[in-house]
Amino acid sequence: MVTKGWLIWGWLGFLLLINILIPWYVLADVPRFIGAFLFWTIWAAVAVASMFLVFARWRG
């Protein structure tokens, strides 16, 4: 059984991984910066929403 802590760390690790892979490797051949800018805008919204959910459920 996966605990909530491991699930949260896994999700944050996944966000970090795609933050590196998508703009620097997948979008590397895109001649315009708009692809990376759009990705980072969406990524930031997902990251902020994720942190809001984590902190809202924090018990301590």
Protein backbone atom coordinates (compact mmCIF):
# COMPACT_ATOMS: atom_id res chain seq x y z
CA MET A 1 0.00 0.00 0.00
CA VAL A 2 1.37 3.37 -1.00
CA THR A 3 1.15 5.99 1.71
CA LYS A 4 0.03 9.54 1.04
CA GLY A 5 3.54 10.83 1.69
CA TRP A 6 5.06 8.71 -1.05
CA LEU A 7 2.25 9.62 -3.42
CA ILE A 8 2.80 13.33 -2.83
CA TRP A 9 6.57 13.05 -3.23
CA GLY A 10 6.05 11.00 -6.40
CA TRP A 11 3.73 13.64 -7.85
CA LEU A 12 6.17 16.45 -7.02
CA GLY A 13 9.03 14.44 -8.51
CA PHE A 14 6.96 13.90 -11.65
CA LEU A 15 6.29 17.64 -11.89
CA LEU A 16 10.00 18.35 -11.53
CA LEU A 17 10.86 15.75 -14.16
CA ILE A 18 8.47 17.11 -16.76
CA ASN A 19 9.62 20.65 -15.92
CA ILE A 20 13.07 19.62 -17.12
CA LEU A 21 12.23 17.21 -19.93
CA ILE A 22 9.45 18.97 -21.81
CA PRO A 23 10.97 22.44 -22.41
CA TRP A 24 14.60 21.41 -22.81
CA TYR A 25 14.25 18.16 -24.77
CA VAL A 26 10.78 17.80 -26.26
CA LEU A 27 10.42 21.46 -27.27
CA ALA A 28 14.11 21.94 -28.12
CA ASP A 29 13.49 22.02 -31.88
CA VAL A 30 10.63 24.51 -31.70
CA PRO A 31 12.03 27.74 -33.18
CA ARG A 32 9.79 30.01 -31.13
CA PHE A 33 9.75 30.45 -27.38
CA ILE A 34 5.95 30.38 -27.20
CA GLY A 35 5.80 26.58 -26.76
CA ALA A 36 7.96 26.62 -23.64
CA PHE A 37 6.19 29.71 -22.31
CA LEU A 38 2.78 28.07 -22.69
CA PHE A 39 4.07 24.88 -21.07
CA TRP A 40 5.54 26.74 -18.08
CA THR A 41 2.33 28.73 -17.62
CA ILE A 42 0.26 25.55 -17.48
CA TRP A 43 2.90 23.79 -15.35
CA ALA A 44 2.92 26.64 -12.83
CA ALA A 45 -0.87 26.51 -12.50
CA VAL A 46 -0.75 22.73 -11.90
CA ALA A 47 2.10 23.10 -9.38
CA VAL A 48 0.30 25.84 -7.44
CA ALA A 49 -2.95 23.84 -7.40
CA SER A 50 -1.03 20.76 -6.22
CA MET A 51 0.59 22.67 -3.37
CA PHE A 52 -2.77 24.16 -2.40
CA LEU A 53 -4.24 20.65 -2.14
CA VAL A 54 -1.26 19.37 -0.14
CA PHE A 55 -1.35 22.28 2.32
CA ALA A 56 -5.14 22.19 2.64
CA ARG A 57 -4.99 18.54 3.75
CA TRP A 58 -1.98 19.02 6.02
CA ARG A 59 -2.51 17.67 9.52
CA GLY A 60 0.08 18.38 12.09
